[in-house]
Amino acid sequence: MLTHYSPNLYDRFDLLIVNADLISAAGLNVVDFCVNNPRLRHVLIYGSRSGGTKTLSDQPQHQVRRIDTISYEALVDFLWLIDKSFSGNNTDPTSIDLA
């Protein structure tokens, strides 16, 4: 379960990567929880076969994307989406070395 302790009520998670199956097993609707949650800045949801990549919220300060399976390429693509400077000088997102 997601737990966040902070003395500041308005602190937010910058990035949450969540397995949809685990959240659903806890009885929560993962899409409603992530899209309508002001404490989550950017969210990558994987699992539960969503039928490919689907962007659920596409705002500069709140990106929510759902994908079928997590992979290096999917993670790098999402990181590049939320922070264009992540890849240096606008290089191809798949060329990023996370190690």
Protein backbone atom coordinates (compact mmCIF):
# COMPACT_ATOMS: atom_id res chain seq x y z
CA MET A 1 0.00 0.00 0.00
CA LEU A 2 1.15 3.52 -0.73
CA THR A 3 2.11 5.44 2.39
CA HIS A 4 3.59 8.90 2.46
CA TYR A 5 4.55 10.65 5.68
CA SER A 6 5.36 14.31 5.55
CA PRO A 7 5.01 17.25 7.91
CA ASN A 8 3.82 19.30 4.93
CA LEU A 9 0.28 18.42 3.87
CA TYR A 10 0.98 19.55 0.30
CA ASP A 11 4.11 17.47 -0.38
CA ARG A 12 3.65 15.33 -3.46
CA PHE A 13 5.20 12.22 -4.97
CA ASP A 14 7.15 13.33 -8.03
CA LEU A 15 6.98 9.91 -9.68
CA LEU A 16 4.98 6.83 -8.82
CA ILE A 17 5.37 3.57 -10.72
CA VAL A 18 2.56 1.24 -9.74
CA ASN A 19 1.35 -2.24 -10.61
CA ALA A 20 -2.37 -2.02 -11.46
CA ASP A 21 -2.97 -5.61 -10.34
CA LEU A 22 -1.69 -4.89 -6.81
CA ILE A 23 -3.80 -1.75 -6.41
CA SER A 24 -6.89 -3.52 -7.79
CA ALA A 25 -6.35 -6.43 -5.38
CA ALA A 26 -6.55 -3.91 -2.53
CA GLY A 27 -9.98 -2.88 -3.78
CA LEU A 28 -9.00 0.47 -5.30
CA ASN A 29 -9.67 1.73 -8.81
CA VAL A 30 -6.13 2.49 -9.93
CA VAL A 31 -7.17 4.99 -12.60
CA ASP A 32 -9.40 7.01 -10.27
CA PHE A 33 -6.77 6.92 -7.53
CA CYS A 34 -3.98 8.18 -9.78
CA VAL A 35 -5.74 10.60 -12.13
CA ASN A 36 -7.68 12.45 -9.43
CA ASN A 37 -4.98 12.48 -6.76
CA PRO A 38 -3.42 15.94 -6.28
CA ARG A 39 -0.55 14.40 -4.25
CA LEU A 40 0.75 12.46 -7.27
CA ARG A 41 2.69 14.43 -9.83
CA HIS A 42 3.56 11.82 -12.47
CA VAL A 43 2.35 8.21 -12.55
CA LEU A 44 3.25 5.20 -14.68
CA ILE A 45 0.74 2.37 -14.26
CA TYR A 46 1.56 -1.08 -15.58
CA GLY A 47 -0.30 -4.38 -15.61
CA SER A 48 -3.90 -5.50 -16.15
CA ARG A 49 -3.55 -5.48 -19.92
CA SER A 50 -4.79 -2.02 -20.80
CA GLY A 51 -4.48 -2.58 -24.55
CA GLY A 52 -1.21 -0.78 -25.20
CA THR A 53 0.00 2.62 -24.07
CA LYS A 54 -2.73 5.00 -22.99
CA THR A 55 -2.25 8.50 -21.66
CA LEU A 56 -4.83 9.24 -18.96
CA SER A 57 -3.72 12.74 -18.04
CA ASP A 58 -1.49 14.87 -20.22
CA GLN A 59 -0.74 18.08 -18.37
CA PRO A 60 2.75 19.48 -17.82
CA GLN A 61 2.47 19.12 -14.05
CA HIS A 62 0.47 15.87 -14.01
CA GLN A 63 1.27 13.03 -16.41
CA VAL A 64 -0.49 9.69 -15.96
CA ARG A 65 0.22 6.89 -18.41
CA ARG A 66 -0.97 3.29 -18.46
CA ILE A 67 1.04 0.55 -20.17
CA ASP A 68 0.67 -3.22 -20.43
CA THR A 69 4.10 -4.24 -19.16
CA ILE A 70 7.00 -2.39 -17.64
CA SER A 71 10.20 -2.35 -19.67
CA TYR A 72 13.37 -0.32 -19.89
CA GLU A 73 12.12 1.38 -23.05
CA ALA A 74 8.72 2.23 -21.51
CA LEU A 75 10.36 3.67 -18.41
CA VAL A 76 12.87 5.76 -20.35
CA ASP A 77 10.13 7.01 -22.67
CA PHE A 78 8.03 8.12 -19.70
CA LEU A 79 10.98 9.77 -17.96
CA TRP A 80 11.77 11.65 -21.15
CA LEU A 81 8.11 12.69 -21.46
CA ILE A 82 8.02 14.25 -17.99
CA ASP A 83 11.49 15.81 -18.19
CA LYS A 84 12.77 16.67 -21.66
CA SER A 85 16.17 17.61 -20.20
CA PHE A 86 16.51 14.05 -18.89
CA SER A 87 17.93 12.96 -22.22
CA GLY A 88 20.49 15.72 -22.54
CA ASN A 89 20.15 17.77 -25.70
CA ASN A 90 16.94 16.22 -27.05
CA THR A 91 18.57 12.92 -27.93
CA ASP A 92 16.66 9.75 -28.64
CA PRO A 93 15.08 8.55 -25.36
CA THR A 94 16.15 4.94 -25.98
CA SER A 95 19.83 5.97 -25.87
CA ILE A 96 19.69 6.98 -22.20
CA ASP A 97 21.83 5.01 -19.79
CA LEU A 98 20.10 4.62 -16.42
CA ALA A 99 22.94 2.64 -14.83
